[in-house]
């Protein structure tokens, strides 16, 4: 059994990205975009990547590892509706996920999953900030993304 806990923000964010792109069921339309593989953690939190929901299957392709990606280099080149649902940043000992869609659902699901909701939902800009302080929590945050994805508006509505 592993005795040490993973508490490196950059590595936690990488694990989260793998969990997000590896889920081929509820999160099949979720992609990691604009990832900075060379990001260096800062005390303020350095941008690592965006998490985007893509409404159209035709706008998705599969990379060499079987993970979903945008079919074009940027969302502006894709003829499909995309919605940024969160951004991920890294600090030395944690990754932080800021949900910009369905923040109330994100905060509720994070609380249910016993994750650290670092700030409450801000009524002015409707965001929720969730801190991931351990590599094991990268799996526990997936239900939070699932709760948010069901609230993403689609053009079919």
N, C-alpha and C. Protein backbone atom coordinates (compact mmCIF):
# COMPACT_ATOMS: atom_id res chain seq x y z
N UNK A 1 0.84 -1.17 0.00
CA UNK A 1 0.00 0.00 0.00
C UNK A 1 0.89 1.24 0.00
N UNK A 2 0.48 2.25 -0.74
CA UNK A 2 1.25 3.48 -0.83
C UNK A 2 1.05 4.29 0.44
N UNK A 3 2.15 4.68 1.06
CA UNK A 3 2.08 5.44 2.31
C UNK A 3 2.04 6.95 2.06
N UNK A 4 2.68 7.40 0.99
CA UNK A 4 2.77 8.83 0.73
C UNK A 4 1.56 9.30 -0.07
N UNK A 5 1.11 10.49 0.26
CA UNK A 5 0.02 11.13 -0.46
C UNK A 5 0.61 12.07 -1.51
N UNK A 6 -0.06 12.15 -2.64
CA UNK A 6 0.38 13.07 -3.69
C UNK A 6 -0.16 14.45 -3.38
N UNK A 7 0.74 15.38 -3.14
CA UNK A 7 0.34 16.74 -2.78
C UNK A 7 1.06 17.78 -3.65
N UNK A 8 1.28 17.45 -4.89
CA UNK A 8 1.90 18.36 -5.84
C UNK A 8 0.80 18.88 -6.76
N UNK A 9 0.57 20.20 -6.74
CA UNK A 9 -0.53 20.79 -7.50
C UNK A 9 -0.52 20.47 -8.99
N UNK A 10 0.65 20.54 -9.60
CA UNK A 10 0.75 20.27 -11.03
C UNK A 10 0.38 18.81 -11.32
N UNK A 11 0.88 17.91 -10.54
CA UNK A 11 0.60 16.48 -10.75
C UNK A 11 -0.87 16.17 -10.48
N UNK A 12 -1.45 16.80 -9.47
CA UNK A 12 -2.87 16.61 -9.19
C UNK A 12 -3.70 17.07 -10.39
N UNK A 13 -3.35 18.22 -10.97
CA UNK A 13 -4.07 18.72 -12.15
C UNK A 13 -3.92 17.76 -13.33
N UNK A 14 -2.75 17.16 -13.48
CA UNK A 14 -2.55 16.19 -14.55
C UNK A 14 -3.42 14.95 -14.33
N UNK A 15 -3.50 14.49 -13.09
CA UNK A 15 -4.36 13.35 -12.78
C UNK A 15 -5.83 13.68 -13.07
N UNK A 16 -6.24 14.87 -12.70
CA UNK A 16 -7.62 15.29 -12.96
C UNK A 16 -7.90 15.31 -14.47
N UNK A 17 -6.97 15.84 -15.25
CA UNK A 17 -7.15 15.86 -16.70
C UNK A 17 -7.31 14.45 -17.25
N UNK A 18 -6.52 13.51 -16.74
CA UNK A 18 -6.62 12.11 -17.17
C UNK A 18 -7.97 11.52 -16.80
N UNK A 19 -8.45 11.83 -15.61
CA UNK A 19 -9.77 11.34 -15.18
C UNK A 19 -10.87 11.91 -16.06
N UNK A 20 -10.78 13.20 -16.36
CA UNK A 20 -11.82 13.84 -17.18
C UNK A 20 -11.87 13.27 -18.59
N UNK A 21 -10.72 13.09 -19.19
CA UNK A 21 -10.69 12.62 -20.58
C UNK A 21 -10.84 11.12 -20.68
N UNK A 22 -10.69 10.42 -19.58
CA UNK A 22 -10.83 8.97 -19.59
C UNK A 22 -12.27 8.51 -19.39
N UNK A 23 -13.15 9.39 -18.95
CA UNK A 23 -14.54 9.05 -18.70
C UNK A 23 -15.30 9.11 -20.02
N UNK A 24 -15.63 7.95 -20.55
CA UNK A 24 -16.31 7.89 -21.85
C UNK A 24 -17.83 7.79 -21.73
N UNK A 25 -18.36 8.00 -20.51
CA UNK A 25 -19.81 7.93 -20.34
C UNK A 25 -20.36 9.34 -20.14
N UNK A 26 -20.58 9.74 -18.91
CA UNK A 26 -21.21 11.02 -18.62
C UNK A 26 -20.39 12.21 -19.10
N UNK A 27 -19.09 12.05 -19.18
CA UNK A 27 -18.22 13.17 -19.58
C UNK A 27 -17.65 12.98 -20.99
N UNK A 28 -18.33 12.22 -21.81
CA UNK A 28 -17.84 11.94 -23.16
C UNK A 28 -17.70 13.21 -24.01
N UNK A 29 -18.44 14.25 -23.68
CA UNK A 29 -18.39 15.50 -24.46
C UNK A 29 -17.53 16.57 -23.77
N UNK A 30 -16.76 16.15 -22.79
CA UNK A 30 -15.90 17.09 -22.06
C UNK A 30 -14.46 16.91 -22.53
N UNK A 31 -13.82 18.03 -22.82
CA UNK A 31 -12.42 18.00 -23.25
C UNK A 31 -11.60 18.97 -22.42
N UNK A 32 -10.31 18.69 -22.33
CA UNK A 32 -9.35 19.59 -21.72
C UNK A 32 -8.79 20.43 -22.86
N UNK A 33 -8.86 21.75 -22.71
CA UNK A 33 -8.43 22.66 -23.78
C UNK A 33 -7.38 23.63 -23.26
N UNK A 34 -6.55 24.09 -24.17
CA UNK A 34 -5.53 25.10 -23.88
C UNK A 34 -4.61 24.70 -22.73
N UNK A 35 -4.30 23.42 -22.65
CA UNK A 35 -3.44 22.93 -21.57
C UNK A 35 -2.02 23.46 -21.72
N UNK A 36 -1.45 23.85 -20.61
CA UNK A 36 -0.06 24.30 -20.57
C UNK A 36 0.76 23.21 -19.88
N UNK A 37 1.40 22.33 -20.65
CA UNK A 37 2.16 21.22 -20.05
C UNK A 37 3.37 21.68 -19.25
N UNK A 38 3.81 22.89 -19.48
CA UNK A 38 4.99 23.41 -18.78
C UNK A 38 4.63 24.35 -17.63
N UNK A 39 3.37 24.36 -17.23
CA UNK A 39 2.93 25.27 -16.18
C UNK A 39 3.74 25.03 -14.90
N UNK A 40 4.08 26.10 -14.24
CA UNK A 40 4.78 26.03 -12.96
C UNK A 40 3.83 26.58 -11.90
N UNK A 41 3.63 25.82 -10.85
CA UNK A 41 2.74 26.24 -9.77
C UNK A 41 3.22 27.53 -9.13
N UNK A 42 2.26 28.39 -8.80
CA UNK A 42 2.55 29.63 -8.08
C UNK A 42 1.63 29.71 -6.86
N UNK A 43 1.99 30.54 -5.91
CA UNK A 43 1.16 30.71 -4.72
C UNK A 43 -0.22 31.26 -5.07
N UNK A 44 -0.30 32.08 -6.10
CA UNK A 44 -1.57 32.67 -6.52
C UNK A 44 -2.40 31.70 -7.37
N UNK A 45 -1.76 30.70 -7.93
CA UNK A 45 -2.43 29.73 -8.80
C UNK A 45 -2.17 30.06 -10.26
N UNK A 46 -1.41 29.23 -10.94
CA UNK A 46 -1.08 29.43 -12.36
C UNK A 46 -2.06 28.64 -13.23
N UNK A 47 -2.52 29.25 -14.31
CA UNK A 47 -3.45 28.60 -15.23
C UNK A 47 -2.85 27.32 -15.78
N UNK A 48 -3.60 26.21 -15.69
CA UNK A 48 -3.15 24.93 -16.23
C UNK A 48 -3.93 24.55 -17.48
N UNK A 49 -5.28 24.63 -17.44
CA UNK A 49 -6.12 24.31 -18.59
C UNK A 49 -7.57 24.70 -18.34
N UNK A 50 -8.32 24.69 -19.44
CA UNK A 50 -9.77 24.90 -19.39
C UNK A 50 -10.45 23.56 -19.56
N UNK A 51 -11.64 23.43 -19.00
CA UNK A 51 -12.47 22.24 -19.20
C UNK A 51 -13.69 22.72 -19.97
N UNK A 52 -13.90 22.11 -21.16
CA UNK A 52 -14.91 22.58 -22.10
C UNK A 52 -15.88 21.45 -22.42
N UNK A 53 -17.16 21.80 -22.49
CA UNK A 53 -18.18 20.86 -22.95
C UNK A 53 -18.45 21.16 -24.42
N UNK A 54 -18.44 20.14 -25.26
CA UNK A 54 -18.68 20.28 -26.69
C UNK A 54 -20.01 19.61 -27.02
N UNK A 55 -20.93 20.38 -27.60
CA UNK A 55 -22.29 19.88 -27.82
C UNK A 55 -22.42 18.90 -28.97
N UNK A 56 -21.52 18.96 -29.95
CA UNK A 56 -21.67 18.19 -31.18
C UNK A 56 -20.60 17.11 -31.30
N UNK A 57 -21.03 15.87 -31.52
CA UNK A 57 -20.09 14.76 -31.70
C UNK A 57 -19.12 15.00 -32.85
N UNK A 58 -19.58 15.68 -33.91
CA UNK A 58 -18.74 15.92 -35.07
C UNK A 58 -17.56 16.84 -34.75
N UNK A 59 -17.65 17.60 -33.67
CA UNK A 59 -16.58 18.51 -33.29
C UNK A 59 -15.52 17.81 -32.44
N UNK A 60 -15.76 16.55 -32.12
CA UNK A 60 -14.82 15.79 -31.30
C UNK A 60 -14.05 14.79 -32.14
N UNK A 61 -12.83 14.57 -31.75
CA UNK A 61 -12.02 13.52 -32.35
C UNK A 61 -11.33 12.79 -31.19
N UNK A 62 -10.66 11.73 -31.49
CA UNK A 62 -9.98 10.95 -30.46
C UNK A 62 -8.48 11.03 -30.70
N UNK A 63 -7.73 11.29 -29.62
CA UNK A 63 -6.28 11.36 -29.78
C UNK A 63 -5.68 9.95 -29.79
N UNK A 64 -4.36 9.86 -29.86
CA UNK A 64 -3.70 8.56 -29.96
C UNK A 64 -3.84 7.71 -28.70
N UNK A 65 -4.33 8.29 -27.62
CA UNK A 65 -4.57 7.54 -26.39
C UNK A 65 -6.05 7.23 -26.17
N UNK A 66 -6.88 7.58 -27.16
CA UNK A 66 -8.31 7.30 -27.06
C UNK A 66 -9.09 8.34 -26.28
N UNK A 67 -8.50 9.50 -26.02
CA UNK A 67 -9.16 10.56 -25.26
C UNK A 67 -9.82 11.54 -26.21
N UNK A 68 -10.98 12.11 -25.81
CA UNK A 68 -11.65 13.08 -26.67
C UNK A 68 -10.88 14.40 -26.73
N UNK A 69 -10.82 14.99 -27.90
CA UNK A 69 -10.22 16.30 -28.10
C UNK A 69 -11.06 17.05 -29.11
N UNK A 70 -10.87 18.36 -29.19
CA UNK A 70 -11.55 19.14 -30.22
C UNK A 70 -11.00 18.75 -31.58
N UNK A 71 -11.88 18.69 -32.56
CA UNK A 71 -11.47 18.27 -33.90
C UNK A 71 -10.56 19.29 -34.57
N UNK A 72 -10.64 20.54 -34.17
CA UNK A 72 -9.79 21.59 -34.74
C UNK A 72 -8.86 22.12 -33.66
N UNK A 73 -7.92 22.97 -34.07
CA UNK A 73 -6.96 23.50 -33.12
C UNK A 73 -7.59 24.45 -32.10
N UNK A 74 -8.66 25.14 -32.49
CA UNK A 74 -9.30 26.05 -31.53
C UNK A 74 -10.81 25.95 -31.69
N UNK A 75 -11.50 26.33 -30.64
CA UNK A 75 -12.96 26.26 -30.64
C UNK A 75 -13.56 27.14 -31.73
N UNK A 76 -12.88 28.21 -32.10
CA UNK A 76 -13.42 29.10 -33.13
C UNK A 76 -13.42 28.43 -34.50
N UNK A 77 -12.59 27.42 -34.70
CA UNK A 77 -12.56 26.71 -35.97
C UNK A 77 -13.58 25.57 -36.03
N UNK A 78 -14.22 25.28 -34.92
CA UNK A 78 -15.16 24.17 -34.84
C UNK A 78 -16.57 24.72 -34.99
N UNK A 79 -17.35 24.11 -35.87
CA UNK A 79 -18.72 24.53 -36.06
C UNK A 79 -19.61 23.79 -35.08
N UNK A 80 -19.41 24.05 -33.80
CA UNK A 80 -20.20 23.41 -32.75
C UNK A 80 -20.22 24.32 -31.54
N UNK A 81 -21.25 24.16 -30.76
CA UNK A 81 -21.35 24.95 -29.55
C UNK A 81 -20.43 24.38 -28.48
N UNK A 82 -19.59 25.24 -27.93
CA UNK A 82 -18.72 24.83 -26.83
C UNK A 82 -19.03 25.73 -25.63
N UNK A 83 -18.94 25.15 -24.46
CA UNK A 83 -19.18 25.89 -23.23
C UNK A 83 -18.05 25.61 -22.26
N UNK A 84 -17.35 26.66 -21.85
CA UNK A 84 -16.32 26.48 -20.84
C UNK A 84 -17.04 26.27 -19.51
N UNK A 85 -16.76 25.15 -18.86
CA UNK A 85 -17.42 24.88 -17.58
C UNK A 85 -16.50 25.14 -16.39
N UNK A 86 -15.19 25.10 -16.62
CA UNK A 86 -14.27 25.32 -15.51
C UNK A 86 -12.88 25.65 -16.03
N UNK A 87 -12.08 26.25 -15.15
CA UNK A 87 -10.66 26.41 -15.39
C UNK A 87 -9.92 25.76 -14.22
N UNK A 88 -8.76 25.24 -14.52
CA UNK A 88 -7.95 24.57 -13.50
C UNK A 88 -6.64 25.34 -13.38
N UNK A 89 -6.28 25.64 -12.13
CA UNK A 89 -5.02 26.31 -11.87
C UNK A 89 -4.24 25.49 -10.84
N UNK A 90 -2.95 25.75 -10.78
CA UNK A 90 -2.11 24.97 -9.86
C UNK A 90 -1.36 25.87 -8.90
N UNK A 91 -1.35 25.43 -7.65
CA UNK A 91 -0.55 26.01 -6.59
C UNK A 91 0.43 24.93 -6.17
N UNK A 92 1.43 25.24 -5.39
CA UNK A 92 2.41 24.21 -5.04
C UNK A 92 1.82 22.94 -4.43
N UNK A 93 0.81 23.06 -3.58
CA UNK A 93 0.29 21.88 -2.89
C UNK A 93 -1.15 21.54 -3.24
N UNK A 94 -1.68 22.14 -4.30
CA UNK A 94 -3.07 21.85 -4.68
C UNK A 94 -3.36 22.28 -6.10
N UNK A 95 -4.43 21.69 -6.63
CA UNK A 95 -5.01 22.17 -7.87
C UNK A 95 -6.34 22.80 -7.50
N UNK A 96 -6.72 23.84 -8.21
CA UNK A 96 -8.00 24.48 -7.94
C UNK A 96 -8.83 24.48 -9.20
N UNK A 97 -10.10 24.14 -9.03
CA UNK A 97 -11.05 24.11 -10.13
C UNK A 97 -12.07 25.21 -9.88
N UNK A 98 -12.15 26.15 -10.81
CA UNK A 98 -13.14 27.21 -10.70
C UNK A 98 -14.24 26.94 -11.72
N UNK A 99 -15.41 26.60 -11.21
CA UNK A 99 -16.56 26.32 -12.06
C UNK A 99 -17.27 27.62 -12.40
N UNK A 100 -17.50 27.85 -13.69
CA UNK A 100 -18.18 29.06 -14.14
C UNK A 100 -19.58 28.76 -14.66
N UNK A 101 -19.98 27.50 -14.62
CA UNK A 101 -21.32 27.07 -15.02
C UNK A 101 -21.89 26.26 -13.86
N UNK A 102 -23.14 26.51 -13.53
CA UNK A 102 -23.84 25.75 -12.49
C UNK A 102 -23.03 25.67 -11.19
N UNK A 103 -22.55 26.82 -10.76
CA UNK A 103 -21.71 26.87 -9.57
C UNK A 103 -22.41 26.31 -8.34
N UNK A 104 -23.70 26.54 -8.22
CA UNK A 104 -24.43 26.01 -7.07
C UNK A 104 -24.43 24.48 -7.07
N UNK A 105 -24.60 23.88 -8.24
CA UNK A 105 -24.53 22.42 -8.36
C UNK A 105 -23.13 21.91 -8.04
N UNK A 106 -22.12 22.64 -8.52
CA UNK A 106 -20.73 22.24 -8.26
C UNK A 106 -20.45 22.27 -6.77
N UNK A 107 -20.84 23.33 -6.09
CA UNK A 107 -20.58 23.45 -4.65
C UNK A 107 -21.31 22.36 -3.88
N UNK A 108 -22.55 22.09 -4.26
CA UNK A 108 -23.33 21.05 -3.57
C UNK A 108 -22.71 19.66 -3.78
N UNK A 109 -22.35 19.35 -5.03
CA UNK A 109 -21.74 18.04 -5.32
C UNK A 109 -20.39 17.90 -4.63
N UNK A 110 -19.61 18.98 -4.57
CA UNK A 110 -18.31 18.94 -3.91
C UNK A 110 -18.47 18.71 -2.41
N UNK A 111 -19.45 19.34 -1.83
CA UNK A 111 -19.72 19.14 -0.40
C UNK A 111 -20.13 17.70 -0.14
N UNK A 112 -20.98 17.15 -1.00
CA UNK A 112 -21.40 15.76 -0.88
C UNK A 112 -20.21 14.81 -0.99
N UNK A 113 -19.26 15.14 -1.86
CA UNK A 113 -18.08 14.30 -2.06
C UNK A 113 -16.99 14.58 -1.02
N UNK A 114 -17.29 15.42 -0.04
CA UNK A 114 -16.35 15.79 1.01
C UNK A 114 -15.09 16.45 0.47
N UNK A 115 -15.26 17.26 -0.56
CA UNK A 115 -14.15 18.03 -1.12
C UNK A 115 -14.15 19.42 -0.50
N UNK A 116 -13.02 20.08 -0.59
CA UNK A 116 -12.86 21.42 -0.02
C UNK A 116 -13.43 22.46 -0.97
N UNK A 117 -14.57 23.03 -0.58
CA UNK A 117 -15.14 24.13 -1.35
C UNK A 117 -14.52 25.38 -0.76
N UNK A 118 -13.46 25.85 -1.43
CA UNK A 118 -12.64 26.93 -0.89
C UNK A 118 -13.35 28.25 -0.79
N UNK A 119 -14.39 28.45 -1.57
CA UNK A 119 -15.18 29.66 -1.45
C UNK A 119 -16.61 29.29 -1.76
N UNK A 120 -17.51 30.07 -1.25
CA UNK A 120 -18.91 29.81 -1.53
C UNK A 120 -19.25 30.35 -2.91
N UNK A 121 -20.39 29.98 -3.39
CA UNK A 121 -20.84 30.48 -4.68
C UNK A 121 -20.97 32.00 -4.58
N UNK A 122 -20.35 32.69 -5.50
CA UNK A 122 -20.39 34.14 -5.53
C UNK A 122 -21.59 34.57 -6.35
N UNK A 123 -22.54 35.22 -5.72
CA UNK A 123 -23.77 35.61 -6.39
C UNK A 123 -23.53 36.60 -7.53
N UNK A 124 -22.43 37.36 -7.47
CA UNK A 124 -22.15 38.35 -8.50
C UNK A 124 -21.68 37.74 -9.81
N UNK A 125 -20.84 36.72 -9.72
CA UNK A 125 -20.34 36.14 -10.97
C UNK A 125 -20.60 34.64 -11.09
N UNK A 126 -21.34 34.05 -10.16
CA UNK A 126 -21.76 32.65 -10.23
C UNK A 126 -20.59 31.71 -10.51
N UNK A 127 -19.64 31.69 -9.62
CA UNK A 127 -18.52 30.75 -9.70
C UNK A 127 -18.38 30.01 -8.38
N UNK A 128 -17.78 28.85 -8.45
CA UNK A 128 -17.46 28.07 -7.26
C UNK A 128 -16.03 27.58 -7.40
N UNK A 129 -15.27 27.67 -6.33
CA UNK A 129 -13.87 27.27 -6.34
C UNK A 129 -13.70 26.04 -5.46
N UNK A 130 -13.17 24.99 -6.06
CA UNK A 130 -12.96 23.73 -5.33
C UNK A 130 -11.47 23.42 -5.33
N UNK A 131 -10.94 23.17 -4.15
CA UNK A 131 -9.53 22.84 -4.01
C UNK A 131 -9.35 21.34 -3.95
N UNK A 132 -8.36 20.85 -4.68
CA UNK A 132 -8.02 19.43 -4.67
C UNK A 132 -6.62 19.33 -4.08
N UNK A 133 -6.55 18.84 -2.86
CA UNK A 133 -5.30 18.86 -2.11
C UNK A 133 -4.59 17.51 -2.06
N UNK A 134 -5.18 16.52 -2.70
CA UNK A 134 -4.60 15.18 -2.67
C UNK A 134 -4.90 14.50 -4.00
N UNK A 135 -3.96 13.75 -4.51
CA UNK A 135 -4.15 13.06 -5.78
C UNK A 135 -5.37 12.16 -5.80
N UNK A 136 -5.73 11.58 -4.66
CA UNK A 136 -6.89 10.69 -4.59
C UNK A 136 -8.17 11.46 -4.91
N UNK A 137 -8.18 12.74 -4.60
CA UNK A 137 -9.37 13.55 -4.83
C UNK A 137 -9.63 13.83 -6.31
N UNK A 138 -8.66 13.54 -7.17
CA UNK A 138 -8.88 13.71 -8.60
C UNK A 138 -10.03 12.83 -9.08
N UNK A 139 -10.19 11.66 -8.50
CA UNK A 139 -11.32 10.79 -8.82
C UNK A 139 -12.61 11.28 -8.16
N UNK A 140 -12.49 11.80 -6.96
CA UNK A 140 -13.67 12.23 -6.20
C UNK A 140 -14.31 13.48 -6.77
N UNK A 141 -13.60 14.23 -7.59
CA UNK A 141 -14.17 15.45 -8.17
C UNK A 141 -14.95 15.17 -9.46
N UNK A 142 -14.82 13.97 -10.01
CA UNK A 142 -15.54 13.62 -11.24
C UNK A 142 -17.06 13.75 -11.08
N UNK A 143 -17.67 13.31 -9.98
CA UNK A 143 -19.11 13.52 -9.82
C UNK A 143 -19.51 15.01 -9.80
N UNK A 144 -18.59 15.87 -9.42
CA UNK A 144 -18.87 17.31 -9.46
C UNK A 144 -19.00 17.75 -10.92
N UNK A 145 -18.07 17.31 -11.76
CA UNK A 145 -18.16 17.63 -13.19
C UNK A 145 -19.42 17.04 -13.79
N UNK A 146 -19.78 15.82 -13.40
CA UNK A 146 -21.00 15.20 -13.93
C UNK A 146 -22.23 16.01 -13.55
N UNK A 147 -22.28 16.52 -12.32
CA UNK A 147 -23.42 17.34 -11.88
C UNK A 147 -23.50 18.64 -12.67
N UNK A 148 -22.36 19.19 -13.02
CA UNK A 148 -22.32 20.44 -13.77
C UNK A 148 -22.70 20.21 -15.23
N UNK A 149 -22.21 19.14 -15.82
CA UNK A 149 -22.46 18.87 -17.24
C UNK A 149 -23.96 18.73 -17.55
N UNK A 150 -24.71 18.13 -16.66
CA UNK A 150 -26.15 17.99 -16.92
C UNK A 150 -26.86 19.34 -16.94
N UNK A 151 -26.23 20.37 -16.40
CA UNK A 151 -26.83 21.70 -16.38
C UNK A 151 -26.36 22.57 -17.56
N UNK A 152 -25.47 22.07 -18.38
CA UNK A 152 -24.97 22.85 -19.53
C UNK A 152 -26.08 22.99 -20.55
N UNK A 153 -26.43 24.22 -20.89
CA UNK A 153 -27.48 24.41 -21.90
C UNK A 153 -27.01 23.94 -23.28
N UNK A 154 -27.91 23.36 -24.02
CA UNK A 154 -27.58 22.91 -25.38
C UNK A 154 -28.53 23.58 -26.37
N UNK A 155 -28.15 23.61 -27.62
CA UNK A 155 -28.98 24.27 -28.62
C UNK A 155 -30.25 23.48 -28.89
N UNK A 156 -30.28 22.22 -28.50
CA UNK A 156 -31.47 21.38 -28.71
C UNK A 156 -32.60 21.76 -27.76
N UNK A 157 -32.30 22.55 -26.72
CA UNK A 157 -33.33 22.91 -25.74
C UNK A 157 -34.24 23.96 -26.27
